N, C-alpha and C. Protein backbone atom coordinates (compact mmCIF):
# COMPACT_ATOMS: atom_id res chain seq x y z
N MET A 1 0.76 -1.23 -0.17
CA MET A 1 -0.09 0.19 0.05
C MET A 1 0.81 1.28 0.17
N LYS A 2 1.85 1.06 1.09
CA LYS A 2 2.66 2.66 1.02
C LYS A 2 3.26 2.78 0.01
N ALA A 3 3.80 1.94 -0.88
CA ALA A 3 4.81 1.88 -2.22
C ALA A 3 4.02 2.36 -3.02
N TRP A 4 2.73 1.78 -3.44
CA TRP A 4 1.57 2.27 -4.33
C TRP A 4 1.01 3.72 -4.46
N PHE A 5 1.27 4.11 -3.01
CA PHE A 5 1.01 5.44 -3.12
C PHE A 5 1.88 6.29 -3.42
N GLY A 6 3.00 5.87 -3.17
CA GLY A 6 3.98 6.53 -4.04
C GLY A 6 4.35 6.75 -5.24
N TRP A 7 3.55 5.77 -5.78
CA TRP A 7 3.76 5.59 -6.97
C TRP A 7 2.53 6.61 -7.60
N ALA A 8 1.42 6.32 -7.17
CA ALA A 8 0.10 6.58 -7.83
C ALA A 8 0.13 8.34 -7.81
N ILE A 9 0.91 8.83 -6.88
CA ILE A 9 0.56 10.17 -6.37
C ILE A 9 1.54 11.37 -7.44
N GLY A 10 2.72 10.19 -7.47
CA GLY A 10 3.84 10.89 -8.24
C GLY A 10 4.47 12.15 -7.61
N ALA A 11 4.73 12.19 -6.50
CA ALA A 11 5.39 13.50 -6.06
C ALA A 11 6.66 13.19 -5.13
N VAL A 12 7.35 13.64 -4.74
CA VAL A 12 8.57 13.43 -4.09
C VAL A 12 8.91 14.68 -3.35
N PHE A 13 9.48 14.73 -2.21
CA PHE A 13 9.54 15.87 -1.28
C PHE A 13 10.68 16.79 -1.61
N ALA A 14 11.52 16.30 -2.45
CA ALA A 14 12.33 17.11 -2.93
C ALA A 14 11.82 18.10 -4.08
N THR A 15 10.85 17.53 -4.76
CA THR A 15 10.14 18.28 -5.93
C THR A 15 9.34 19.41 -5.46
N SER A 16 8.50 18.84 -4.18
CA SER A 16 7.48 19.77 -3.33
C SER A 16 8.21 21.31 -3.06
N VAL A 17 9.50 20.87 -2.38
CA VAL A 17 10.13 21.89 -1.56
C VAL A 17 10.66 22.86 -3.03
N ALA A 18 11.16 22.46 -4.03
CA ALA A 18 11.34 23.26 -5.16
C ALA A 18 10.51 24.03 -5.80
N THR A 19 9.31 23.39 -5.80
CA THR A 19 8.44 23.92 -6.79
C THR A 19 7.76 24.70 -5.58
N ALA A 20 7.60 24.72 -4.54
CA ALA A 20 7.20 26.13 -3.61
C ALA A 20 7.80 27.41 -3.44
N ALA A 21 9.36 26.92 -3.73
CA ALA A 21 10.07 27.97 -3.55
C ALA A 21 9.89 29.01 -4.53
N LEU A 22 9.28 28.62 -5.77
CA LEU A 22 9.01 29.87 -6.88
C LEU A 22 7.80 30.80 -6.65
N GLY A 23 7.29 30.32 -5.55
CA GLY A 23 5.96 31.45 -4.75
C GLY A 23 5.56 31.39 -3.73
N ALA A 24 5.96 30.49 -2.62
CA ALA A 24 5.26 30.31 -1.41
C ALA A 24 6.31 31.04 -0.23
N PRO A 25 5.71 31.34 0.65
CA PRO A 25 6.47 32.23 1.62
C PRO A 25 7.77 31.27 2.05
N VAL A 26 8.95 31.97 2.67
CA VAL A 26 9.61 30.97 3.34
C VAL A 26 9.15 30.51 4.16
N PRO A 27 9.43 29.06 4.47
CA PRO A 27 8.64 28.03 5.75
C PRO A 27 9.36 28.68 6.92
N ASP A 28 8.37 28.21 7.98
CA ASP A 28 8.73 28.54 9.35
C ASP A 28 9.83 27.66 9.77
N ARG A 29 10.43 27.81 11.16
CA ARG A 29 11.68 27.09 11.62
C ARG A 29 10.89 25.54 11.77
N ALA A 30 9.64 25.49 11.83
CA ALA A 30 9.36 23.99 12.12
C ALA A 30 9.27 23.41 11.14
N ALA A 31 8.97 24.21 9.79
CA ALA A 31 8.86 23.35 8.65
C ALA A 31 10.24 22.96 8.11
N ASP A 32 11.02 24.14 8.50
CA ASP A 32 12.67 23.75 8.07
C ASP A 32 13.09 22.71 8.88
N ALA A 33 12.68 22.45 10.37
CA ALA A 33 13.27 21.46 11.11
C ALA A 33 12.68 20.25 10.28
N ALA A 34 11.34 20.18 9.99
CA ALA A 34 10.62 18.93 9.39
C ALA A 34 11.65 18.35 8.37
N TRP A 35 12.06 19.07 7.53
CA TRP A 35 12.50 18.58 6.18
C TRP A 35 14.08 18.21 6.59
N ARG A 36 14.83 18.60 7.49
CA ARG A 36 15.82 18.12 7.97
C ARG A 36 15.62 16.83 8.73
N ALA A 37 14.54 16.60 9.42
CA ALA A 37 14.12 15.43 9.71
C ALA A 37 13.91 14.39 8.82
N TYR A 38 13.13 14.98 7.92
CA TYR A 38 12.79 13.79 6.79
C TYR A 38 13.65 13.53 6.27
N GLN A 39 15.08 13.93 5.86
CA GLN A 39 16.43 13.79 4.98
C GLN A 39 17.14 12.74 5.96
N ARG A 40 16.85 12.76 7.20
CA ARG A 40 17.60 11.94 7.65
C ARG A 40 16.78 10.58 7.89
N GLY A 41 15.74 10.53 7.71
CA GLY A 41 14.87 9.32 7.91
C GLY A 41 14.06 9.22 9.06
N ASP A 42 13.90 10.59 10.24
CA ASP A 42 13.23 10.51 11.27
C ASP A 42 11.72 11.05 10.82
N TYR A 43 11.04 9.91 10.51
CA TYR A 43 9.79 10.46 9.80
C TYR A 43 8.83 10.92 11.06
N ALA A 44 8.95 10.15 12.09
CA ALA A 44 8.16 10.85 13.26
C ALA A 44 8.23 12.29 13.70
N ALA A 45 9.55 12.51 13.69
CA ALA A 45 10.14 14.26 14.12
C ALA A 45 9.22 15.06 12.90
N ALA A 46 9.53 14.53 11.60
CA ALA A 46 8.96 15.32 10.39
C ALA A 46 7.64 15.51 10.51
N PHE A 47 7.05 14.16 10.44
CA PHE A 47 5.40 14.28 10.75
C PHE A 47 5.05 15.27 11.71
N THR A 48 5.54 15.40 12.83
CA THR A 48 5.21 16.35 13.87
C THR A 48 5.32 17.63 13.68
N ALA A 49 6.72 18.00 12.85
CA ALA A 49 6.91 19.39 12.65
C ALA A 49 6.19 20.07 11.56
N TYR A 50 6.03 18.91 10.52
CA TYR A 50 4.94 19.56 9.64
C TYR A 50 3.76 20.02 9.72
N GLU A 51 3.34 19.16 11.01
CA GLU A 51 1.82 19.20 11.03
C GLU A 51 1.54 20.57 11.86
N THR A 52 2.74 20.80 12.67
CA THR A 52 2.95 22.00 13.33
C THR A 52 2.54 23.34 12.59
N SER A 53 3.57 23.22 11.48
CA SER A 53 3.60 24.28 10.34
C SER A 53 2.44 24.15 9.65
N ALA A 54 1.54 23.19 9.19
CA ALA A 54 0.37 22.76 8.55
C ALA A 54 -0.97 23.52 9.18
N LYS A 55 -0.63 23.41 10.47
CA LYS A 55 -1.87 24.32 10.98
C LYS A 55 -1.64 25.71 11.23
N LYS A 56 -0.59 25.94 10.84
CA LYS A 56 -0.29 27.78 11.00
C LYS A 56 -0.62 28.31 9.66
N GLY A 57 -0.84 27.01 8.58
CA GLY A 57 -1.40 27.63 7.19
C GLY A 57 -0.38 27.57 6.23
N ASP A 58 0.89 27.02 6.40
CA ASP A 58 2.31 26.69 5.80
C ASP A 58 1.83 25.78 4.47
N ARG A 59 1.26 26.25 3.15
CA ARG A 59 0.74 25.25 2.04
C ARG A 59 2.15 24.21 1.76
N LEU A 60 3.00 24.55 1.93
CA LEU A 60 4.29 23.50 2.08
C LEU A 60 4.08 22.42 2.82
N ALA A 61 4.05 22.51 4.22
CA ALA A 61 3.98 21.84 5.10
C ALA A 61 2.46 21.22 5.40
N GLN A 62 1.48 21.58 4.89
CA GLN A 62 0.27 20.91 4.49
C GLN A 62 0.47 19.82 3.21
N PHE A 63 1.28 20.19 2.20
CA PHE A 63 1.48 19.24 0.85
C PHE A 63 2.26 18.10 1.41
N ASN A 64 3.25 18.78 2.46
CA ASN A 64 4.22 17.29 2.80
C ASN A 64 3.63 16.66 3.54
N LEU A 65 2.71 17.20 4.88
CA LEU A 65 2.02 16.30 5.83
C LEU A 65 1.17 15.27 4.71
N ALA A 66 0.47 16.02 3.99
CA ALA A 66 -0.59 15.19 3.05
C ALA A 66 0.29 14.03 2.55
N MET A 67 1.30 14.08 2.00
CA MET A 67 2.15 12.77 1.65
C MET A 67 2.39 11.89 2.36
N MET A 68 2.67 12.59 3.60
CA MET A 68 3.23 11.40 4.33
C MET A 68 1.97 10.65 5.09
N LEU A 69 1.05 11.36 5.11
CA LEU A 69 -0.27 10.67 5.36
C LEU A 69 -0.66 9.58 4.65
N LEU A 70 -0.57 9.96 3.03
CA LEU A 70 -0.74 9.27 2.07
C LEU A 70 -0.21 8.02 1.83
N ARG A 71 1.38 8.27 2.27
CA ARG A 71 2.74 6.94 2.18
C ARG A 71 2.64 6.17 3.31
N GLY A 72 1.73 6.66 4.59
CA GLY A 72 2.06 6.04 5.64
C GLY A 72 3.57 6.42 6.10
N GLU A 73 4.28 7.16 6.37
CA GLU A 73 5.43 7.69 6.44
C GLU A 73 5.34 8.52 8.13
N GLY A 74 5.42 8.04 9.32
CA GLY A 74 5.28 8.92 10.43
C GLY A 74 4.27 8.40 11.32
N ARG A 75 3.24 8.01 10.44
CA ARG A 75 2.30 7.41 11.15
C ARG A 75 1.34 6.58 10.02
N ALA A 76 0.05 6.02 10.61
CA ALA A 76 -0.22 4.80 9.38
C ALA A 76 -1.07 5.54 8.44
N VAL A 77 -0.81 5.10 7.10
CA VAL A 77 -1.58 5.60 6.04
C VAL A 77 -2.86 5.74 6.39
N ASP A 78 -3.20 7.38 5.98
CA ASP A 78 -4.80 7.73 6.30
C ASP A 78 -5.12 8.90 5.15
N ILE A 79 -5.70 7.78 4.18
CA ILE A 79 -6.01 8.65 3.08
C ILE A 79 -7.21 9.88 3.36
N SER A 80 -8.03 9.65 4.01
CA SER A 80 -8.91 10.71 4.37
C SER A 80 -8.10 12.05 4.77
N ALA A 81 -7.22 11.82 5.84
CA ALA A 81 -6.81 13.03 6.26
C ALA A 81 -5.92 13.54 5.10
N GLY A 82 -4.95 12.76 4.40
CA GLY A 82 -3.91 13.14 3.57
C GLY A 82 -4.55 13.81 2.65
N VAL A 83 -5.94 13.37 1.86
CA VAL A 83 -6.72 14.22 1.08
C VAL A 83 -6.91 15.71 1.43
N ALA A 84 -6.86 15.69 2.89
CA ALA A 84 -7.72 16.95 3.37
C ALA A 84 -6.70 18.14 3.49
N TRP A 85 -6.00 17.52 3.65
CA TRP A 85 -4.47 18.40 3.90
C TRP A 85 -3.72 18.82 2.32
N LEU A 86 -4.13 17.87 1.51
CA LEU A 86 -3.64 18.23 0.03
C LEU A 86 -4.72 18.96 -0.37
N THR A 87 -5.82 19.00 -0.22
CA THR A 87 -6.82 20.03 -0.73
C THR A 87 -6.47 21.74 0.04
N LYS A 88 -6.11 21.40 1.08
CA LYS A 88 -5.82 23.05 1.78
C LYS A 88 -4.57 23.20 0.91
N ALA A 89 -3.91 22.92 0.92
CA ALA A 89 -2.30 23.11 0.19
C ALA A 89 -2.88 23.62 -1.43
N ALA A 90 -3.50 22.79 -2.23
CA ALA A 90 -4.04 23.33 -3.31
C ALA A 90 -5.10 24.30 -3.27
N ASP A 91 -5.62 24.29 -2.49
CA ASP A 91 -7.01 25.48 -2.47
C ASP A 91 -6.09 26.97 -2.03
N ALA A 92 -4.94 26.56 -1.29
CA ALA A 92 -4.09 28.05 -1.35
C ALA A 92 -2.99 28.10 -2.33
N GLY A 93 -3.38 27.53 -3.37
CA GLY A 93 -2.43 27.88 -4.72
C GLY A 93 -1.42 27.23 -4.73
N MET A 94 -1.18 26.15 -4.39
CA MET A 94 0.25 25.41 -4.37
C MET A 94 -0.15 24.55 -5.89
N PRO A 95 0.81 24.66 -6.94
CA PRO A 95 0.52 23.80 -8.21
C PRO A 95 0.87 22.33 -7.70
N GLN A 96 1.75 21.91 -6.94
CA GLN A 96 1.90 20.64 -6.65
C GLN A 96 0.84 19.93 -6.42
N ALA A 97 0.30 20.61 -5.28
CA ALA A 97 -0.74 20.04 -4.54
C ALA A 97 -2.26 19.74 -5.60
N GLN A 98 -1.98 20.73 -6.17
CA GLN A 98 -3.19 20.68 -7.47
C GLN A 98 -3.30 19.68 -8.31
N TYR A 99 -1.61 19.18 -8.74
CA TYR A 99 -1.80 18.44 -9.79
C TYR A 99 -1.69 17.02 -9.21
N ASN A 100 -1.63 16.65 -7.88
CA ASN A 100 -1.53 15.37 -7.43
C ASN A 100 -3.08 14.97 -7.13
N LEU A 101 -3.97 16.05 -6.64
CA LEU A 101 -5.38 16.26 -6.66
C LEU A 101 -6.15 15.70 -7.97
N GLY A 102 -5.24 16.37 -9.04
CA GLY A 102 -5.75 15.84 -10.35
C GLY A 102 -5.27 14.41 -10.46
N LEU A 103 -4.59 13.67 -9.83
CA LEU A 103 -4.41 12.46 -10.26
C LEU A 103 -5.09 11.54 -9.29
N LEU A 104 -5.25 12.08 -8.29
CA LEU A 104 -6.13 11.38 -7.21
C LEU A 104 -7.83 11.40 -7.54
N SER A 105 -8.35 12.53 -8.56
CA SER A 105 -9.37 12.50 -8.95
C SER A 105 -9.69 11.68 -10.06
N GLU A 106 -8.63 11.67 -11.10
CA GLU A 106 -8.40 10.57 -12.18
C GLU A 106 -8.34 9.12 -11.67
N SER A 107 -8.04 8.74 -10.54
CA SER A 107 -8.28 7.31 -10.37
C SER A 107 -9.16 7.17 -8.87
N GLY A 108 -9.91 8.20 -8.39
CA GLY A 108 -10.42 7.67 -7.51
C GLY A 108 -10.17 7.33 -6.12
N ILE A 109 -8.85 7.74 -5.88
CA ILE A 109 -8.32 7.33 -4.79
C ILE A 109 -8.62 8.55 -3.52
N GLY A 110 -9.30 8.15 -2.71
CA GLY A 110 -9.85 9.13 -1.28
C GLY A 110 -10.42 10.28 -1.84
N VAL A 111 -11.14 10.55 -3.24
CA VAL A 111 -12.08 11.26 -3.64
C VAL A 111 -12.93 10.89 -4.76
N GLU A 112 -14.05 11.21 -4.99
CA GLU A 112 -14.99 10.67 -6.22
C GLU A 112 -14.13 10.63 -7.15
N ARG A 113 -14.10 9.72 -8.24
CA ARG A 113 -13.60 9.35 -9.29
C ARG A 113 -14.31 10.56 -10.04
N SER A 114 -13.62 11.44 -10.81
CA SER A 114 -14.08 12.27 -11.74
C SER A 114 -12.97 12.84 -12.59
N LEU A 115 -13.15 12.69 -13.71
CA LEU A 115 -12.15 13.32 -14.58
C LEU A 115 -12.44 14.52 -15.04
N THR A 116 -13.57 15.04 -14.82
CA THR A 116 -13.78 16.82 -15.06
C THR A 116 -13.20 17.25 -14.02
N ALA A 117 -13.13 16.97 -12.57
CA ALA A 117 -12.40 17.33 -11.63
C ALA A 117 -10.94 17.42 -11.95
N ALA A 118 -10.27 16.22 -12.38
CA ALA A 118 -8.85 16.02 -12.71
C ALA A 118 -8.33 17.02 -13.48
N THR A 119 -9.24 17.44 -14.66
CA THR A 119 -9.26 18.42 -15.47
C THR A 119 -8.97 19.90 -14.95
N ASP A 120 -10.02 20.01 -14.17
CA ASP A 120 -9.86 21.42 -13.51
C ASP A 120 -8.85 21.60 -12.65
N TRP A 121 -8.42 20.67 -11.57
CA TRP A 121 -6.93 20.53 -10.93
C TRP A 121 -5.97 20.85 -11.70
N TRP A 122 -5.97 20.04 -12.72
CA TRP A 122 -4.67 20.04 -13.69
C TRP A 122 -4.64 21.64 -14.35
N GLN A 123 -5.84 22.17 -14.85
CA GLN A 123 -6.03 23.45 -15.18
C GLN A 123 -5.05 24.65 -14.54
N LYS A 124 -5.73 24.38 -13.42
CA LYS A 124 -4.86 25.35 -12.46
C LYS A 124 -3.63 25.06 -12.24
N ALA A 125 -3.10 24.11 -12.20
CA ALA A 125 -1.49 23.47 -11.78
C ALA A 125 -0.89 24.19 -13.02
N ALA A 126 -1.45 23.72 -14.16
CA ALA A 126 -0.88 24.04 -15.62
C ALA A 126 -0.70 25.61 -15.92
N GLU A 127 -1.63 26.14 -15.52
CA GLU A 127 -1.68 27.88 -15.51
C GLU A 127 -0.42 28.70 -14.85
N GLN A 128 0.15 27.75 -13.55
CA GLN A 128 0.98 28.05 -12.90
C GLN A 128 2.66 27.65 -13.18
N GLY A 129 2.25 27.03 -14.53
CA GLY A 129 3.61 26.72 -15.06
C GLY A 129 4.45 25.43 -14.63
N HIS A 130 3.16 24.40 -14.11
CA HIS A 130 3.46 22.98 -13.58
C HIS A 130 3.48 22.11 -14.71
N THR A 131 4.99 21.58 -15.33
CA THR A 131 4.95 20.88 -16.17
C THR A 131 4.18 19.54 -16.81
N GLU A 132 4.38 18.69 -15.50
CA GLU A 132 3.45 17.41 -15.63
C GLU A 132 2.02 17.71 -15.79
N ALA A 133 1.54 18.81 -15.16
CA ALA A 133 0.01 19.01 -15.15
C ALA A 133 -0.51 19.57 -16.56
N GLN A 134 0.70 20.23 -17.39
CA GLN A 134 0.36 20.85 -18.58
C GLN A 134 0.32 19.95 -19.53
N VAL A 135 1.05 18.88 -19.48
CA VAL A 135 1.00 17.44 -20.43
C VAL A 135 -0.67 16.50 -19.96
N GLN A 136 -0.69 16.56 -18.89
CA GLN A 136 -1.84 15.89 -18.47
C GLN A 136 -2.99 16.68 -19.14
N LEU A 137 -3.53 18.10 -18.76
CA LEU A 137 -4.25 18.88 -19.55
C LEU A 137 -4.12 18.73 -21.27
N ALA A 138 -3.16 18.99 -21.44
CA ALA A 138 -3.11 18.74 -23.01
C ALA A 138 -3.87 17.44 -23.33
N THR A 139 -3.56 16.17 -22.72
CA THR A 139 -4.13 14.80 -22.90
C THR A 139 -5.68 15.03 -22.84
N GLN A 140 -5.93 15.62 -21.85
CA GLN A 140 -7.42 15.56 -21.71
C GLN A 140 -8.40 16.13 -22.89
N TYR A 141 -7.50 17.39 -23.32
CA TYR A 141 -8.51 17.75 -24.35
C TYR A 141 -7.95 17.12 -25.63
N PHE A 142 -6.92 16.39 -25.87
CA PHE A 142 -6.59 15.59 -26.93
C PHE A 142 -7.51 14.83 -27.00
N LEU A 143 -7.84 13.90 -25.84
CA LEU A 143 -8.21 12.91 -26.00
C LEU A 143 -10.04 13.03 -26.12
N GLY A 144 -10.33 14.33 -25.21
CA GLY A 144 -11.80 14.52 -25.37
C GLY A 144 -12.14 14.00 -23.90
N ARG A 145 -11.35 13.70 -22.87
CA ARG A 145 -11.75 12.98 -22.05
C ARG A 145 -11.97 13.82 -20.56
N GLY A 146 -12.66 14.12 -19.80
CA GLY A 146 -12.89 14.97 -18.73
C GLY A 146 -13.13 16.67 -19.31
N ALA A 147 -12.86 16.73 -20.34
CA ALA A 147 -12.95 17.98 -21.36
C ALA A 147 -13.46 17.77 -22.42
N PRO A 148 -13.89 19.04 -23.35
CA PRO A 148 -14.64 18.56 -24.81
C PRO A 148 -13.12 18.56 -25.62
N LYS A 149 -13.18 17.50 -26.32
CA LYS A 149 -12.13 17.29 -27.20
C LYS A 149 -11.62 18.59 -28.15
N ASP A 150 -10.52 19.19 -27.99
CA ASP A 150 -10.06 20.49 -28.63
C ASP A 150 -8.52 20.13 -28.69
N TRP A 151 -8.56 20.48 -30.10
CA TRP A 151 -6.82 19.96 -30.43
C TRP A 151 -6.01 21.26 -30.48
N LYS A 152 -6.51 22.30 -30.58
CA LYS A 152 -6.05 23.81 -30.39
C LYS A 152 -5.46 23.61 -28.88
N LEU A 153 -6.73 23.31 -28.01
CA LEU A 153 -5.90 23.57 -26.60
C LEU A 153 -5.10 22.40 -26.34
N ALA A 154 -5.20 21.53 -26.89
CA ALA A 154 -4.19 20.27 -26.55
C ALA A 154 -3.07 21.01 -27.00
N ALA A 155 -2.74 21.41 -28.55
CA ALA A 155 -1.26 21.99 -28.58
C ALA A 155 -0.95 23.00 -28.06
N LYS A 156 -1.51 24.11 -27.52
CA LYS A 156 -1.14 24.88 -26.95
C LYS A 156 -0.55 24.32 -25.42
N TRP A 157 -1.26 23.39 -24.96
CA TRP A 157 -0.83 22.82 -23.41
C TRP A 157 0.43 22.01 -23.62
N TYR A 158 0.35 20.94 -25.10
CA TYR A 158 1.83 20.27 -25.42
C TYR A 158 3.15 21.32 -25.33
N GLU A 159 2.70 22.43 -26.23
CA GLU A 159 3.79 23.26 -26.56
C GLU A 159 4.32 23.89 -25.22
N ALA A 160 3.25 24.39 -24.39
CA ALA A 160 3.87 24.92 -23.28
C ALA A 160 4.66 23.91 -21.96
N ALA A 161 4.45 22.32 -22.44
CA ALA A 161 5.27 21.56 -21.80
C ALA A 161 6.49 21.20 -22.22
N ALA A 162 6.60 21.31 -23.67
CA ALA A 162 7.56 21.30 -24.65
C ALA A 162 8.47 22.19 -24.08
N ASP A 163 8.01 23.54 -24.29
CA ASP A 163 9.10 24.62 -24.01
C ASP A 163 9.84 24.58 -22.60
N LYS A 164 9.35 24.09 -21.76
CA LYS A 164 9.62 23.36 -20.02
C LYS A 164 10.93 22.32 -20.32
N GLY A 165 10.79 21.78 -21.74
CA GLY A 165 11.98 20.50 -21.74
C GLY A 165 11.19 19.09 -21.90
N ASP A 166 9.57 19.19 -21.87
CA ASP A 166 9.12 17.75 -21.38
C ASP A 166 9.35 16.83 -22.80
N VAL A 167 10.26 16.15 -23.08
CA VAL A 167 10.46 15.38 -24.39
C VAL A 167 9.40 14.58 -25.18
N GLY A 168 8.46 14.18 -24.01
CA GLY A 168 7.07 13.41 -24.67
C GLY A 168 6.50 14.80 -25.32
N ALA A 169 6.24 15.81 -24.85
CA ALA A 169 5.70 16.82 -25.50
C ALA A 169 6.06 17.13 -26.53
N GLN A 170 7.52 17.44 -26.53
CA GLN A 170 8.17 17.94 -27.66
C GLN A 170 7.70 16.96 -29.10
N TYR A 171 7.63 15.77 -28.43
CA TYR A 171 7.64 14.87 -30.04
C TYR A 171 5.88 14.82 -30.16
N ILE A 172 5.08 15.01 -29.39
CA ILE A 172 3.93 15.14 -30.01
C ILE A 172 3.39 16.42 -30.57
N ILE A 173 4.14 17.74 -30.30
CA ILE A 173 3.96 19.13 -30.98
C ILE A 173 4.46 19.11 -31.46
N ALA A 174 5.79 18.42 -32.27
CA ALA A 174 6.18 18.34 -33.46
C ALA A 174 5.35 17.72 -34.45
N SER A 175 4.86 16.40 -33.97
CA SER A 175 3.74 15.68 -34.77
C SER A 175 2.52 16.43 -35.18
N PHE A 176 2.22 17.48 -34.21
CA PHE A 176 1.12 18.34 -34.53
C PHE A 176 1.48 19.31 -35.90
N TYR A 177 2.50 19.83 -35.61
CA TYR A 177 3.15 20.91 -36.66
C TYR A 177 3.12 20.19 -37.95
N GLU A 178 3.73 19.01 -37.75
CA GLU A 178 4.02 18.21 -39.20
C GLU A 178 2.63 17.82 -39.94
N HIS A 179 1.51 17.63 -39.08
CA HIS A 179 0.52 17.37 -39.65
C HIS A 179 -0.90 18.20 -39.55
N GLY A 180 -0.66 19.62 -39.26
CA GLY A 180 -1.60 20.40 -39.01
C GLY A 180 -2.55 19.88 -38.04
N ASP A 181 -2.55 19.40 -36.93
CA ASP A 181 -3.52 18.96 -35.76
C ASP A 181 -3.45 20.13 -35.01
N GLY A 182 -4.03 20.72 -34.33
CA GLY A 182 -4.61 21.96 -33.86
C GLY A 182 -3.80 22.96 -33.98
N VAL A 183 -2.71 22.94 -34.59
CA VAL A 183 -1.97 24.13 -35.43
C VAL A 183 -1.86 24.12 -36.98
N PRO A 184 -1.45 25.27 -37.36
CA PRO A 184 -1.27 25.21 -38.87
C PRO A 184 0.09 24.39 -39.08
N GLN A 185 -0.50 23.87 -40.19
CA GLN A 185 0.82 22.73 -40.70
C GLN A 185 2.11 23.69 -40.75
N ASP A 186 3.35 23.17 -39.99
CA ASP A 186 4.53 23.89 -40.23
C ASP A 186 5.77 22.75 -40.12
N LEU A 187 6.13 22.49 -41.19
CA LEU A 187 7.27 21.64 -41.44
C LEU A 187 8.79 21.60 -40.65
N ARG A 188 8.95 23.25 -40.67
CA ARG A 188 10.23 23.98 -40.16
C ARG A 188 9.67 23.59 -38.43
N ARG A 189 8.91 24.05 -38.05
CA ARG A 189 8.56 23.96 -36.64
C ARG A 189 8.51 22.45 -36.11
N ALA A 190 8.00 21.74 -36.96
CA ALA A 190 8.00 20.43 -36.10
C ALA A 190 9.35 19.75 -36.56
N LEU A 191 9.91 20.36 -37.42
CA LEU A 191 11.41 19.73 -37.42
C LEU A 191 12.02 20.17 -36.33
N GLU A 192 11.97 21.32 -36.03
CA GLU A 192 12.52 22.19 -34.92
C GLU A 192 12.11 21.49 -33.27
N TRP A 193 10.99 20.70 -33.22
CA TRP A 193 10.45 20.17 -31.96
C TRP A 193 11.18 18.77 -32.38
N TYR A 194 11.27 18.09 -33.25
CA TYR A 194 11.58 16.82 -33.32
C TYR A 194 13.20 17.04 -32.85
N VAL A 195 14.02 17.86 -33.80
CA VAL A 195 15.47 17.77 -33.31
C VAL A 195 15.45 17.81 -31.57
N GLN A 196 14.55 18.95 -31.10
CA GLN A 196 14.71 19.01 -29.35
C GLN A 196 14.34 17.82 -28.58
N ALA A 197 13.36 17.00 -29.69
CA ALA A 197 13.50 15.90 -28.71
C ALA A 197 14.18 14.76 -28.93
N ALA A 198 14.89 14.94 -30.23
CA ALA A 198 16.15 13.65 -30.36
C ALA A 198 17.32 14.15 -29.65
N ARG A 199 17.35 15.28 -29.33
CA ARG A 199 18.55 15.61 -28.57
C ARG A 199 18.49 14.85 -27.28
N GLN A 200 17.54 14.85 -26.66
CA GLN A 200 17.08 14.14 -25.37
C GLN A 200 16.92 12.69 -25.72
N GLY A 201 17.38 12.17 -26.58
CA GLY A 201 17.87 11.14 -26.55
C GLY A 201 16.22 10.11 -27.04
N ASP A 202 15.44 11.00 -27.91
CA ASP A 202 14.05 10.07 -28.56
C ASP A 202 14.59 9.69 -29.84
N VAL A 203 14.87 8.05 -30.08
CA VAL A 203 15.21 7.66 -31.20
C VAL A 203 14.04 7.85 -32.22
N GLY A 204 12.73 7.72 -31.78
CA GLY A 204 11.61 7.97 -32.95
C GLY A 204 12.00 9.19 -33.34
N ALA A 205 11.89 10.64 -32.49
CA ALA A 205 12.19 12.06 -32.87
C ALA A 205 13.07 12.44 -33.77
N ALA A 206 14.27 11.05 -33.76
CA ALA A 206 15.53 11.51 -34.56
C ALA A 206 15.22 10.83 -35.97
N ALA A 207 14.33 9.77 -36.25
CA ALA A 207 14.14 9.35 -37.47
C ALA A 207 12.97 10.34 -38.16
N GLN A 208 12.00 11.08 -37.33
CA GLN A 208 11.41 12.15 -37.66
C GLN A 208 11.79 12.97 -38.27
N ALA A 209 12.88 13.59 -37.58
CA ALA A 209 13.33 14.88 -37.97
C ALA A 209 14.09 14.49 -39.51
N LYS A 210 14.75 13.60 -39.35
CA LYS A 210 15.30 13.04 -40.97
C LYS A 210 14.49 13.07 -41.65
N ASP A 211 13.52 12.30 -41.42
CA ASP A 211 12.42 12.33 -42.66
C ASP A 211 11.68 14.05 -43.02
N VAL A 212 11.16 14.62 -42.03
CA VAL A 212 11.08 15.94 -42.26
C VAL A 212 12.21 16.82 -42.45
N ALA A 213 13.41 16.74 -42.68
CA ALA A 213 14.26 17.43 -43.34
C ALA A 213 14.15 17.26 -44.74
N ARG A 214 14.27 15.76 -45.20
CA ARG A 214 14.19 15.38 -46.71
C ARG A 214 13.32 16.06 -47.15
N ARG A 215 11.97 15.91 -46.74
CA ARG A 215 10.72 16.75 -47.21
C ARG A 215 10.73 18.09 -47.41
N LEU A 216 11.55 18.63 -46.60
CA LEU A 216 11.78 19.78 -46.73
C LEU A 216 12.63 20.31 -47.99
N VAL A 217 13.78 19.45 -48.01
CA VAL A 217 14.88 19.48 -49.25
C VAL A 217 13.70 19.40 -50.69
N GLU A 218 13.32 18.19 -50.85
CA GLU A 218 12.31 17.77 -51.90
C GLU A 218 11.50 18.98 -52.34
N ALA A 219 10.88 19.80 -51.07
CA ALA A 219 9.91 20.65 -51.73
C ALA A 219 10.87 22.35 -51.95
N GLY A 220 12.16 22.17 -51.80
CA GLY A 220 12.96 23.42 -52.20
C GLY A 220 13.09 24.20 -50.82
N LYS A 221 12.64 23.62 -49.68
CA LYS A 221 12.83 24.63 -48.27
C LYS A 221 13.88 24.26 -47.51
N ALA A 222 14.81 23.86 -47.99
CA ALA A 222 16.29 23.48 -47.35
C ALA A 222 16.12 23.99 -45.83
N PRO A 223 16.14 23.03 -44.78
CA PRO A 223 15.99 24.06 -43.18
C PRO A 223 17.42 24.38 -43.22
């Protein structure tokens, strides 16, 4: 159960701290002590310190406390309490919490399963620049799952994630530009994104880049 929750929620404490640092208030001493305790494996002390800060309204502490409850770290797994603290952090505008609530809504863990609610949470996080949420949101629009099918919006959010370096999004938006799906067909833009993905080791993108480059040459539009 503990390991499964860690996988399903898809968040780690190092990521939460880095994300919160972009826009959250500086954590208080208790939250600082909690992070040090967590790093040395003293989950009981970390839990107590995070709980103290969470009750004071520290959204980072609320998020980390939620994750500990959902993973069963420092206390037994408590899904209900974990979701409650996660929701407080999400309502306070923390994108990592919003992203994770989207995952929980998608799978129905601790909350009613709702693809529409998942889309709403991912939208909130995506608008704050959360890369994984942007990919999830794009996919919702691409598939028409929990949102109206809208390839233009799918392209918008895939490209936003691609700009952040997400290799999967880079490949997908390249394909959109190659075929004119959700965006005007533009082989040069397609080539640029395939090359970006290829540079990150995507073998398929490298093959597509060669093919698109060949087509541009044949059309007298050498890249």
